[in-house]
Amino acid sequence: MTTASLPAEHEARNRLIGVMLAAGGAGLFSLKGVVIKLAFAEGIGVSQLLTLRMAMSLPVYLAIGIFAFARIAQKPALKYFGYAAGLGIMSYYVSSWLNFEGLRYVSAQLERLILYIYPTMVALLSFFFLKERITQRHVFALILAYAGVAILFGSEIGHQGPNALLGGGLIFAGALIYAVYVTASKPVIAAMGSTLFTAFAMSAASIVFLAQSGVEMLIHTPPPVTANGLWLSLVLAMVCTVIPSFMIAEAIGRIGPGPMSAIGGVGPVVAAWAAVMILHEPFGWPHIAAMVLTILGVWLLAKPRITRTAGARTW
């Protein structure tokens, strides 16, 4: 083995690890809708489930955040912690609440497809606010992605009625807020590092929501939670939230947000499989067509382009 080959091998290994983390994180995140549906079947309400999720995940985020902060030689400016707190509340609190509410009315498969189109929202936000150019490929990708969601919407309306529009609208609003979070968090992550940013943002959102939930519990005593409900809440907090949040943050650091979006296409596939096998949701040609169109659209948006001058692949 020559010395010159080491950098190339290291880069290949780094990329492989990033791809594996991205695929694993997207797959675990995609199971969230299925777990939430199972928790609803146990009689747990939206606010109660969010409270359990945040109460169980908060100690982990705090511990990792303290460890990450202690290891940083040059501490970030105080303003970045304020930005991270605001972004965390926007994503982990507001966006999650809209997502949980929407899942009361639509299938886990539609929820995952709607959430998966957030890169197309990021592209539009970047165009309007950051003045980034939208190419013909971007437009074609947007058409494909939203056509896929529209097909599944039509199927859901046939089964769920007007409630599908309400649920889909709530989830879409949550995805839009998450897109704002992704767009606005890039400079903050650059200043704080992905681990400290993720831990602090999630901790801030959890503390704010738990404070609100505590006040609500003093006014209205929540119903008791079954043993299965507690286990499902633990799975939601650890397996579908804490673990994938750090996996995806690390994957973005290794391979970048573009490849991460493309590899995230495993999410709708895993969600569809779990929804059919566990929740016994229907799966027919509308679901297949919607999945193919949406994944293809986001893949076109995220795939590398070839620079003509150097012939290099860039993202």
C-alpha atoms as a PDB file:
ATOM      1  CA  MET A   1       0.000   0.000   0.000  1.00  0.00           C
ATOM      2  CA  THR A   2       1.474   3.334  -1.020  1.00  0.00           C
ATOM      3  CA  THR A   3       1.325   6.508   1.016  1.00  0.00           C
ATOM      4  CA  ALA A   4      -0.358   8.335  -1.856  1.00  0.00           C
ATOM      5  CA  SER A   5      -3.284   5.931  -1.748  1.00  0.00           C
ATOM      6  CA  LEU A   6      -4.086   6.667   1.881  1.00  0.00           C
ATOM      7  CA  PRO A   7      -6.011   9.955   1.377  1.00  0.00           C
ATOM      8  CA  ALA A   8      -8.220   8.400  -1.327  1.00  0.00           C
ATOM      9  CA  GLU A   9      -8.913   5.343   0.833  1.00  0.00           C
ATOM     10  CA  HIS A  10      -9.643   7.522   3.840  1.00  0.00           C
ATOM     11  CA  GLU A  11     -12.066   9.629   1.788  1.00  0.00           C
ATOM     12  CA  ALA A  12     -13.816   6.508   0.467  1.00  0.00           C
ATOM     13  CA  ARG A  13     -14.129   5.077   3.983  1.00  0.00           C
ATOM     14  CA  ASN A  14     -15.414   8.404   5.311  1.00  0.00           C
ATOM     15  CA  ARG A  15     -18.021   8.552   2.553  1.00  0.00           C
ATOM     16  CA  LEU A  16     -19.102   4.946   3.149  1.00  0.00           C
ATOM     17  CA  ILE A  17     -19.617   5.665   6.844  1.00  0.00           C
ATOM     18  CA  GLY A  18     -21.590   8.797   5.945  1.00  0.00           C
ATOM     19  CA  VAL A  19     -23.813   6.893   3.538  1.00  0.00           C
ATOM     20  CA  MET A  20     -24.486   4.160   6.123  1.00  0.00           C
ATOM     21  CA  LEU A  21     -25.303   6.759   8.790  1.00  0.00           C
ATOM     22  CA  ALA A  22     -27.604   8.619   6.383  1.00  0.00           C
ATOM     23  CA  ALA A  23     -29.488   5.479   5.368  1.00  0.00           C
ATOM     24  CA  GLY A  24     -29.761   4.237   8.950  1.00  0.00           C
ATOM     25  CA  GLY A  25     -30.867   7.599  10.308  1.00  0.00           C
ATOM     26  CA  ALA A  26     -33.470   8.093   7.577  1.00  0.00           C
ATOM     27  CA  GLY A  27     -34.805   4.592   8.140  1.00  0.00           C
ATOM     28  CA  LEU A  28     -35.160   5.067  11.909  1.00  0.00           C
ATOM     29  CA  PHE A  29     -36.750   8.502  11.479  1.00  0.00           C
ATOM     30  CA  SER A  30     -39.255   7.040   9.015  1.00  0.00           C
ATOM     31  CA  LEU A  31     -40.549   4.603  11.650  1.00  0.00           C
ATOM     32  CA  LYS A  32     -41.762   7.541  13.738  1.00  0.00           C
ATOM     33  CA  GLY A  33     -45.170   7.691  12.039  1.00  0.00           C
ATOM     34  CA  VAL A  34     -45.800   3.990  12.641  1.00  0.00           C
ATOM     35  CA  VAL A  35     -44.839   4.235  16.325  1.00  0.00           C
ATOM     36  CA  ILE A  36     -47.056   7.311  16.760  1.00  0.00           C
ATOM     37  CA  LYS A  37     -49.993   5.473  15.196  1.00  0.00           C
ATOM     38  CA  LEU A  38     -49.467   2.561  17.597  1.00  0.00           C
ATOM     39  CA  ALA A  39     -49.287   4.978  20.540  1.00  0.00           C
ATOM     40  CA  PHE A  40     -52.561   6.631  19.471  1.00  0.00           C
ATOM     41  CA  ALA A  41     -54.140   3.157  19.491  1.00  0.00           C
ATOM     42  CA  GLU A  42     -53.082   2.878  23.146  1.00  0.00           C
ATOM     43  CA  GLY A  43     -55.149   5.976  23.940  1.00  0.00           C
ATOM     44  CA  ILE A  44     -52.251   8.444  24.225  1.00  0.00           C
ATOM     45  CA  GLY A  45     -53.055  11.977  23.043  1.00  0.00           C
ATOM     46  CA  VAL A  46     -50.792  14.246  21.014  1.00  0.00           C
ATOM     47  CA  SER A  47     -49.652  16.483  23.899  1.00  0.00           C
ATOM     48  CA  GLN A  48     -49.179  13.527  26.225  1.00  0.00           C
ATOM     49  CA  LEU A  49     -47.092  11.646  23.645  1.00  0.00           C
ATOM     50  CA  LEU A  50     -44.941  14.701  22.952  1.00  0.00           C
ATOM     51  CA  THR A  51     -44.418  15.166  26.696  1.00  0.00           C
ATOM     52  CA  LEU A  52     -43.268  11.573  27.149  1.00  0.00           C
ATOM     53  CA  ARG A  53     -41.026  11.762  24.089  1.00  0.00           C
ATOM     54  CA  MET A  54     -39.305  14.934  25.267  1.00  0.00           C
ATOM     55  CA  ALA A  55     -39.054  13.891  28.913  1.00  0.00           C
ATOM     56  CA  MET A  56     -37.323  10.653  27.920  1.00  0.00           C
ATOM     57  CA  SER A  57     -34.965  12.203  25.364  1.00  0.00           C
ATOM     58  CA  LEU A  58     -34.017  15.375  27.280  1.00  0.00           C
ATOM     59  CA  PRO A  59     -31.507  13.718  29.702  1.00  0.00           C
ATOM     60  CA  VAL A  60     -29.636  12.202  26.750  1.00  0.00           C
ATOM     61  CA  TYR A  61     -29.484  15.498  24.847  1.00  0.00           C
ATOM     62  CA  LEU A  62     -28.336  17.368  27.969  1.00  0.00           C
ATOM     63  CA  ALA A  63     -25.585  14.841  28.709  1.00  0.00           C
ATOM     64  CA  ILE A  64     -24.292  14.850  25.118  1.00  0.00           C
ATOM     65  CA  GLY A  65     -24.531  18.644  24.950  1.00  0.00           C
ATOM     66  CA  ILE A  66     -22.503  19.131  28.141  1.00  0.00           C
ATOM     67  CA  PHE A  67     -19.876  16.668  26.905  1.00  0.00           C
ATOM     68  CA  ALA A  68     -19.661  18.376  23.495  1.00  0.00           C
ATOM     69  CA  PHE A  69     -19.414  21.841  25.075  1.00  0.00           C
ATOM     70  CA  ALA A  70     -16.616  20.717  27.405  1.00  0.00           C
ATOM     71  CA  ARG A  71     -14.560  19.390  24.484  1.00  0.00           C
ATOM     72  CA  ILE A  72     -14.686  22.623  22.456  1.00  0.00           C
ATOM     73  CA  ALA A  73     -11.555  24.712  22.921  1.00  0.00           C
ATOM     74  CA  GLN A  74     -12.991  27.918  21.438  1.00  0.00           C
ATOM     75  CA  LYS A  75     -16.528  28.379  22.746  1.00  0.00           C
ATOM     76  CA  PRO A  76     -19.175  29.722  20.322  1.00  0.00           C
ATOM     77  CA  ALA A  77     -20.544  33.228  20.887  1.00  0.00           C
ATOM     78  CA  LEU A  78     -23.592  33.433  23.136  1.00  0.00           C
ATOM     79  CA  LYS A  79     -25.810  34.593  20.275  1.00  0.00           C
ATOM     80  CA  TYR A  80     -25.433  31.225  18.531  1.00  0.00           C
ATOM     81  CA  PHE A  81     -26.937  29.456  21.528  1.00  0.00           C
ATOM     82  CA  GLY A  82     -29.923  31.787  21.242  1.00  0.00           C
ATOM     83  CA  TYR A  83     -30.234  30.999  17.534  1.00  0.00           C
ATOM     84  CA  ALA A  84     -29.977  27.270  18.242  1.00  0.00           C
ATOM     85  CA  ALA A  85     -32.670  27.480  20.922  1.00  0.00           C
ATOM     86  CA  GLY A  86     -35.055  29.308  18.589  1.00  0.00           C
ATOM     87  CA  LEU A  87     -34.416  26.885  15.736  1.00  0.00           C
ATOM     88  CA  GLY A  88     -34.854  23.903  18.037  1.00  0.00           C
ATOM     89  CA  ILE A  89     -38.208  25.184  19.303  1.00  0.00           C
ATOM     90  CA  MET A  90     -39.262  25.802  15.701  1.00  0.00           C
ATOM     91  CA  SER A  91     -38.344  22.285  14.574  1.00  0.00           C
ATOM     92  CA  TYR A  92     -38.629  19.928  17.552  1.00  0.00           C
ATOM     93  CA  TYR A  93     -41.619  21.646  19.162  1.00  0.00           C
ATOM     94  CA  VAL A  94     -43.797  23.434  16.588  1.00  0.00           C
ATOM     95  CA  SER A  95     -43.028  21.223  13.589  1.00  0.00           C
ATOM     96  CA  SER A  96     -43.350  18.036  15.670  1.00  0.00           C
ATOM     97  CA  TRP A  97     -46.704  19.112  17.097  1.00  0.00           C
ATOM     98  CA  LEU A  98     -48.096  19.777  13.605  1.00  0.00           C
ATOM     99  CA  ASN A  99     -46.746  16.435  12.425  1.00  0.00           C
ATOM    100  CA  PHE A 100     -48.263  14.510  15.343  1.00  0.00           C
ATOM    101  CA  GLU A 101     -51.641  16.208  14.869  1.00  0.00           C
ATOM    102  CA  GLY A 102     -51.618  15.489  11.147  1.00  0.00           C
ATOM    103  CA  LEU A 103     -50.996  11.783  11.742  1.00  0.00           C
ATOM    104  CA  ARG A 104     -54.406  11.563  13.393  1.00  0.00           C
ATOM    105  CA  TYR A 105     -55.995  11.981   9.955  1.00  0.00           C
ATOM    106  CA  VAL A 106     -53.638  10.461   7.349  1.00  0.00           C
ATOM    107  CA  SER A 107     -51.611   7.305   6.847  1.00  0.00           C
ATOM    108  CA  ALA A 108     -48.013   6.918   7.949  1.00  0.00           C
ATOM    109  CA  GLN A 109     -47.052   6.467   4.267  1.00  0.00           C
ATOM    110  CA  LEU A 110     -48.476   9.843   3.202  1.00  0.00           C
ATOM    111  CA  GLU A 111     -46.909  11.528   6.237  1.00  0.00           C
ATOM    112  CA  ARG A 112     -43.458  10.273   5.256  1.00  0.00           C
ATOM    113  CA  LEU A 113     -43.859  11.312   1.606  1.00  0.00           C
ATOM    114  CA  ILE A 114     -44.932  14.834   2.567  1.00  0.00           C
ATOM    115  CA  LEU A 115     -42.020  15.176   4.985  1.00  0.00           C
ATOM    116  CA  TYR A 116     -39.633  13.836   2.362  1.00  0.00           C
ATOM    117  CA  ILE A 117     -40.301  16.744  -0.014  1.00  0.00           C
ATOM    118  CA  TYR A 118     -38.719  19.219   2.421  1.00  0.00           C
ATOM    119  CA  PRO A 119     -35.588  19.530   0.192  1.00  0.00           C
ATOM    120  CA  THR A 120     -37.819  20.975  -2.535  1.00  0.00           C
ATOM    121  CA  MET A 121     -39.080  23.520   0.015  1.00  0.00           C
ATOM    122  CA  VAL A 122     -35.480  24.353   0.924  1.00  0.00           C
ATOM    123  CA  ALA A 123     -34.770  24.999  -2.763  1.00  0.00           C
ATOM    124  CA  LEU A 124     -37.736  27.376  -3.016  1.00  0.00           C
ATOM    125  CA  LEU A 125     -36.814  29.171   0.209  1.00  0.00           C
ATOM    126  CA  SER A 126     -33.237  29.560  -1.010  1.00  0.00           C
ATOM    127  CA  PHE A 127     -34.558  31.027  -4.259  1.00  0.00           C
ATOM    128  CA  PHE A 128     -36.827  33.577  -2.586  1.00  0.00           C
ATOM    129  CA  PHE A 129     -34.653  34.596   0.373  1.00  0.00           C
ATOM    130  CA  LEU A 130     -31.063  33.713  -0.544  1.00  0.00           C
ATOM    131  CA  LYS A 131     -31.434  34.509  -4.270  1.00  0.00           C
ATOM    132  CA  GLU A 132     -30.049  31.107  -5.264  1.00  0.00           C
ATOM    133  CA  ARG A 133     -30.763  30.172  -8.881  1.00  0.00           C
ATOM    134  CA  ILE A 134     -33.421  27.534  -9.705  1.00  0.00           C
ATOM    135  CA  THR A 135     -32.483  25.487 -12.759  1.00  0.00           C
ATOM    136  CA  GLN A 136     -34.696  23.532 -15.161  1.00  0.00           C
ATOM    137  CA  ARG A 137     -33.730  20.397 -13.265  1.00  0.00           C
ATOM    138  CA  HIS A 138     -34.999  21.992 -10.050  1.00  0.00           C
ATOM    139  CA  VAL A 139     -38.345  22.777 -11.685  1.00  0.00           C
ATOM    140  CA  PHE A 140     -38.697  19.250 -13.075  1.00  0.00           C
ATOM    141  CA  ALA A 141     -37.783  17.784  -9.677  1.00  0.00           C
ATOM    142  CA  LEU A 142     -40.410  19.942  -7.966  1.00  0.00           C
ATOM    143  CA  ILE A 143     -43.088  18.835 -10.444  1.00  0.00           C
ATOM    144  CA  LEU A 144     -42.263  15.152  -9.950  1.00  0.00           C
ATOM    145  CA  ALA A 145     -42.121  15.352  -6.156  1.00  0.00           C
ATOM    146  CA  TYR A 146     -45.393  17.223  -5.739  1.00  0.00           C
ATOM    147  CA  ALA A 147     -47.139  15.058  -8.366  1.00  0.00           C
ATOM    148  CA  GLY A 148     -46.246  12.028  -6.280  1.00  0.00           C
ATOM    149  CA  VAL A 149     -47.724  13.544  -3.140  1.00  0.00           C
ATOM    150  CA  ALA A 150     -50.835  14.628  -5.079  1.00  0.00           C
ATOM    151  CA  ILE A 151     -51.451  11.057  -6.291  1.00  0.00           C
ATOM    152  CA  LEU A 152     -51.356   9.679  -2.762  1.00  0.00           C
ATOM    153  CA  PHE A 153     -53.483  12.589  -1.546  1.00  0.00           C
ATOM    154  CA  GLY A 154     -56.173  11.547  -4.025  1.00  0.00           C
ATOM    155  CA  SER A 155     -56.087   8.003  -2.718  1.00  0.00           C
ATOM    156  CA  GLU A 156     -56.228   9.175   0.918  1.00  0.00           C
ATOM    157  CA  ILE A 157     -59.208  11.455   0.243  1.00  0.00           C
ATOM    158  CA  GLY A 158     -61.042   8.461  -1.170  1.00  0.00           C
ATOM    159  CA  HIS A 159     -60.535   6.589   2.115  1.00  0.00           C
ATOM    160  CA  GLN A 160     -60.337   9.340   4.757  1.00  0.00           C
ATOM    161  CA  GLY A 161     -62.532  12.030   3.189  1.00  0.00           C
ATOM    162  CA  PRO A 162     -61.925  15.742   3.868  1.00  0.00           C
ATOM    163  CA  ASN A 163     -59.897  14.862   6.984  1.00  0.00           C
ATOM    164  CA  ALA A 164     -57.058  13.855   4.647  1.00  0.00           C
ATOM    165  CA  LEU A 165     -56.783  17.476   3.529  1.00  0.00           C
ATOM    166  CA  LEU A 166     -56.638  18.661   7.132  1.00  0.00           C
ATOM    167  CA  GLY A 167     -54.048  16.073   8.143  1.00  0.00           C
ATOM    168  CA  GLY A 168     -51.984  16.579   5.016  1.00  0.00           C
ATOM    169  CA  GLY A 169     -52.101  20.343   5.462  1.00  0.00           C
ATOM    170  CA  LEU A 170     -50.844  20.088   9.043  1.00  0.00           C
ATOM    171  CA  ILE A 171     -47.988  17.796   8.039  1.00  0.00           C
ATOM    172  CA  PHE A 172     -47.117  20.030   5.076  1.00  0.00           C
ATOM    173  CA  ALA A 173     -46.976  23.047   7.411  1.00  0.00           C
ATOM    174  CA  GLY A 174     -44.691  21.090   9.733  1.00  0.00           C
ATOM    175  CA  ALA A 175     -42.455  20.128   6.796  1.00  0.00           C
ATOM    176  CA  LEU A 176     -42.296  23.769   5.694  1.00  0.00           C
ATOM    177  CA  ILE A 177     -41.208  24.850   9.171  1.00  0.00           C
ATOM    178  CA  TYR A 178     -38.585  22.096   9.145  1.00  0.00           C
ATOM    179  CA  ALA A 179     -37.357  23.386   5.767  1.00  0.00           C
ATOM    180  CA  VAL A 180     -36.972  26.860   7.284  1.00  0.00           C
ATOM    181  CA  TYR A 181     -35.055  25.239  10.147  1.00  0.00           C
ATOM    182  CA  VAL A 182     -32.690  23.434   7.733  1.00  0.00           C
ATOM    183  CA  THR A 183     -32.105  26.590   5.685  1.00  0.00           C
ATOM    184  CA  ALA A 184     -31.482  28.836   8.686  1.00  0.00           C
ATOM    185  CA  SER A 185     -29.430  26.370  10.748  1.00  0.00           C
ATOM    186  CA  LYS A 186     -26.466  26.003   8.369  1.00  0.00           C
ATOM    187  CA  PRO A 187     -24.451  29.013   9.652  1.00  0.00           C
ATOM    188  CA  VAL A 188     -25.283  28.157  13.259  1.00  0.00           C
ATOM    189  CA  ILE A 189     -24.103  24.564  12.806  1.00  0.00           C
ATOM    190  CA  ALA A 190     -20.905  25.898  11.224  1.00  0.00           C
ATOM    191  CA  ALA A 191     -20.279  28.025  14.326  1.00  0.00           C
ATOM    192  CA  MET A 192     -21.251  25.458  16.973  1.00  0.00           C
ATOM    193  CA  GLY A 193     -20.608  22.075  15.402  1.00  0.00           C
ATOM    194  CA  SER A 194     -23.348  19.578  14.586  1.00  0.00           C
ATOM    195  CA  THR A 195     -23.294  17.682  17.902  1.00  0.00           C
ATOM    196  CA  LEU A 196     -23.464  20.706  20.200  1.00  0.00           C
ATOM    197  CA  PHE A 197     -26.046  22.393  17.976  1.00  0.00           C
ATOM    198  CA  THR A 198     -28.311  19.323  17.858  1.00  0.00           C
ATOM    199  CA  ALA A 199     -28.066  18.658  21.591  1.00  0.00           C
ATOM    200  CA  PHE A 200     -28.654  22.282  22.608  1.00  0.00           C
ATOM    201  CA  ALA A 201     -31.483  22.901  20.117  1.00  0.00           C
ATOM    202  CA  MET A 202     -33.334  19.739  21.136  1.00  0.00           C
ATOM    203  CA  SER A 203     -32.776  20.420  24.851  1.00  0.00           C
ATOM    204  CA  ALA A 204     -34.127  23.966  24.589  1.00  0.00           C
ATOM    205  CA  ALA A 205     -37.254  22.809  22.767  1.00  0.00           C
ATOM    206  CA  SER A 206     -37.803  19.999  25.272  1.00  0.00           C
ATOM    207  CA  ILE A 207     -37.488  22.309  28.290  1.00  0.00           C
ATOM    208  CA  VAL A 208     -39.936  24.852  26.844  1.00  0.00           C
ATOM    209  CA  PHE A 209     -42.510  22.212  25.948  1.00  0.00           C
ATOM    210  CA  LEU A 210     -42.173  20.355  29.254  1.00  0.00           C
ATOM    211  CA  ALA A 211     -42.690  23.619  31.149  1.00  0.00           C
ATOM    212  CA  GLN A 212     -45.878  24.247  29.192  1.00  0.00           C
ATOM    213  CA  SER A 213     -46.966  20.637  29.670  1.00  0.00           C
ATOM    214  CA  GLY A 214     -46.383  20.883  33.415  1.00  0.00           C
ATOM    215  CA  VAL A 215     -48.738  23.854  33.648  1.00  0.00           C
ATOM    216  CA  GLU A 216     -51.347  21.990  31.610  1.00  0.00           C
ATOM    217  CA  MET A 217     -51.097  18.969  33.923  1.00  0.00           C
ATOM    218  CA  LEU A 218     -51.806  21.171  36.931  1.00  0.00           C
ATOM    219  CA  ILE A 219     -55.046  22.260  35.247  1.00  0.00           C
ATOM    220  CA  HIS A 220     -56.085  18.997  33.592  1.00  0.00           C
ATOM    221  CA  THR A 221     -54.873  15.650  34.896  1.00  0.00           C
ATOM    222  CA  PRO A 222     -53.902  13.479  31.903  1.00  0.00           C
ATOM    223  CA  PRO A 223     -55.251   9.921  31.626  1.00  0.00           C
ATOM    224  CA  PRO A 224     -52.970   7.085  32.786  1.00  0.00           C
ATOM    225  CA  VAL A 225     -50.584   5.587  30.252  1.00  0.00           C
ATOM    226  CA  THR A 226     -50.496   1.836  29.660  1.00  0.00           C
ATOM    227  CA  ALA A 227     -47.293  -0.178  29.899  1.00  0.00           C
ATOM    228  CA  ASN A 228     -47.309  -0.597  26.112  1.00  0.00           C
ATOM    229  CA  GLY A 229     -47.775   3.156  25.765  1.00  0.00           C
ATOM    230  CA  LEU A 230     -44.677   3.793  27.876  1.00  0.00           C
ATOM    231  CA  TRP A 231     -42.609   1.351  25.824  1.00  0.00           C
ATOM    232  CA  LEU A 232     -43.800   2.951  22.582  1.00  0.00           C
ATOM    233  CA  SER A 233     -42.930   6.402  23.962  1.00  0.00           C
ATOM    234  CA  LEU A 234     -39.443   5.156  24.830  1.00  0.00           C
ATOM    235  CA  VAL A 235     -38.979   3.734  21.324  1.00  0.00           C
ATOM    236  CA  LEU A 236     -40.207   7.032  19.849  1.00  0.00           C
ATOM    237  CA  ALA A 237     -37.800   9.041  22.021  1.00  0.00           C
ATOM    238  CA  MET A 238     -34.665   6.921  21.642  1.00  0.00           C
ATOM    239  CA  VAL A 239     -34.923   4.878  18.431  1.00  0.00           C
ATOM    240  CA  CYS A 240     -36.908   7.358  16.308  1.00  0.00           C
ATOM    241  CA  THR A 241     -35.555  10.659  17.674  1.00  0.00           C
ATOM    242  CA  VAL A 242     -32.267  10.749  19.617  1.00  0.00           C
ATOM    243  CA  ILE A 243     -30.275   8.130  17.707  1.00  0.00           C
ATOM    244  CA  PRO A 244     -31.241   9.213  14.154  1.00  0.00           C
ATOM    245  CA  SER A 245     -30.870  12.932  14.962  1.00  0.00           C
ATOM    246  CA  PHE A 246     -27.159  12.446  15.689  1.00  0.00           C
ATOM    247  CA  MET A 247     -26.710   9.913  12.867  1.00  0.00           C
ATOM    248  CA  ILE A 248     -28.066  12.378  10.308  1.00  0.00           C
ATOM    249  CA  ALA A 249     -26.120  15.319  11.750  1.00  0.00           C
ATOM    250  CA  GLU A 250     -22.906  13.289  11.449  1.00  0.00           C
ATOM    251  CA  ALA A 251     -23.875  12.096   7.953  1.00  0.00           C
ATOM    252  CA  ILE A 252     -24.376  15.690   6.774  1.00  0.00           C
ATOM    253  CA  GLY A 253     -20.944  16.539   8.184  1.00  0.00           C
ATOM    254  CA  ARG A 254     -19.354  13.656   6.236  1.00  0.00           C
ATOM    255  CA  ILE A 255     -21.159  13.719   2.870  1.00  0.00           C
ATOM    256  CA  GLY A 256     -23.111  17.013   2.807  1.00  0.00           C
ATOM    257  CA  PRO A 257     -26.846  17.851   2.709  1.00  0.00           C
ATOM    258  CA  GLY A 258     -27.290  17.052  -0.998  1.00  0.00           C
ATOM    259  CA  PRO A 259     -26.323  13.373  -0.821  1.00  0.00           C
ATOM    260  CA  MET A 260     -28.122  13.126   2.513  1.00  0.00           C
ATOM    261  CA  SER A 261     -31.390  14.193   0.851  1.00  0.00           C
ATOM    262  CA  ALA A 262     -30.949  11.632  -1.914  1.00  0.00           C
ATOM    263  CA  ILE A 263     -30.072   8.773   0.445  1.00  0.00           C
ATOM    264  CA  GLY A 264     -33.042   9.782   2.604  1.00  0.00           C
ATOM    265  CA  GLY A 265     -35.165   8.152  -0.099  1.00  0.00           C
ATOM    266  CA  VAL A 266     -34.973   4.971   1.956  1.00  0.00           C
ATOM    267  CA  GLY A 267     -37.297   6.698   4.452  1.00  0.00           C
ATOM    268  CA  PRO A 268     -40.562   6.460   2.482  1.00  0.00           C
ATOM    269  CA  VAL A 269     -39.701   2.874   1.497  1.00  0.00           C
ATOM    270  CA  VAL A 270     -39.111   1.809   5.102  1.00  0.00           C
ATOM    271  CA  ALA A 271     -42.218   3.709   6.229  1.00  0.00           C
ATOM    272  CA  ALA A 272     -44.356   2.021   3.567  1.00  0.00           C
ATOM    273  CA  TRP A 273     -43.053  -1.425   4.490  1.00  0.00           C
ATOM    274  CA  ALA A 274     -43.605  -0.868   8.232  1.00  0.00           C
ATOM    275  CA  ALA A 275     -47.065   0.669   7.701  1.00  0.00           C
ATOM    276  CA  VAL A 276     -48.210  -2.291   5.613  1.00  0.00           C
ATOM    277  CA  MET A 277     -46.646  -4.986   7.824  1.00  0.00           C
ATOM    278  CA  ILE A 278     -47.424  -3.470  11.242  1.00  0.00           C
ATOM    279  CA  LEU A 279     -50.405  -1.140  10.745  1.00  0.00           C
ATOM    280  CA  HIS A 280     -51.941  -3.135   7.850  1.00  0.00           C
ATOM    281  CA  GLU A 281     -52.339   0.014   5.772  1.00  0.00           C
ATOM    282  CA  PRO A 282     -53.300  -0.524   2.100  1.00  0.00           C
ATOM    283  CA  PHE A 283     -50.545  -0.527  -0.504  1.00  0.00           C
ATOM    284  CA  GLY A 284     -51.419  -0.420  -4.193  1.00  0.00           C
ATOM    285  CA  TRP A 285     -50.481   1.311  -7.438  1.00  0.00           C
ATOM    286  CA  PRO A 286     -51.150   4.861  -6.098  1.00  0.00           C
ATOM    287  CA  HIS A 287     -48.667   4.239  -3.286  1.00  0.00           C
ATOM    288  CA  ILE A 288     -46.040   2.802  -5.649  1.00  0.00           C
ATOM    289  CA  ALA A 289     -46.479   5.629  -8.185  1.00  0.00           C
ATOM    290  CA  ALA A 290     -46.390   8.302  -5.492  1.00  0.00           C
ATOM    291  CA  MET A 291     -43.268   6.846  -3.913  1.00  0.00           C
ATOM    292  CA  VAL A 292     -41.402   6.530  -7.227  1.00  0.00           C
ATOM    293  CA  LEU A 293     -42.271  10.066  -8.384  1.00  0.00           C
ATOM    294  CA  THR A 294     -41.451  11.699  -5.046  1.00  0.00           C
ATOM    295  CA  ILE A 295     -38.157   9.873  -4.541  1.00  0.00           C
ATOM    296  CA  LEU A 296     -37.125  10.534  -8.154  1.00  0.00           C
ATOM    297  CA  GLY A 297     -37.929  14.229  -7.780  1.00  0.00           C
ATOM    298  CA  VAL A 298     -35.858  14.660  -4.642  1.00  0.00           C
ATOM    299  CA  TRP A 299     -33.044  12.540  -6.093  1.00  0.00           C
ATOM    300  CA  LEU A 300     -32.885  14.830  -9.138  1.00  0.00           C
ATOM    301  CA  LEU A 301     -32.702  17.811  -6.803  1.00  0.00           C
ATOM    302  CA  ALA A 302     -29.899  16.298  -4.734  1.00  0.00           C
ATOM    303  CA  LYS A 303     -27.806  14.386  -7.303  1.00  0.00           C
ATOM    304  CA  PRO A 304     -24.352  15.715  -8.176  1.00  0.00           C
ATOM    305  CA  ARG A 305     -23.792  17.893 -11.200  1.00  0.00           C
ATOM    306  CA  ILE A 306     -20.740  17.731 -13.427  1.00  0.00           C
ATOM    307  CA  THR A 307     -18.641  20.871 -13.679  1.00  0.00           C
ATOM    308  CA  ARG A 308     -17.439  21.237 -17.273  1.00  0.00           C
ATOM    309  CA  THR A 309     -14.219  23.044 -16.453  1.00  0.00           C
ATOM    310  CA  ALA A 310     -12.604  20.437 -14.206  1.00  0.00           C
ATOM    311  CA  GLY A 311     -14.898  17.480 -14.826  1.00  0.00           C
ATOM    312  CA  ALA A 312     -15.417  17.162 -11.077  1.00  0.00           C
ATOM    313  CA  ARG A 313     -18.612  16.084  -9.354  1.00  0.00           C
ATOM    314  CA  THR A 314     -19.991  18.788  -7.108  1.00  0.00           C
ATOM    315  CA  TRP A 315     -23.068  19.009  -4.910  1.00  0.00           C
END
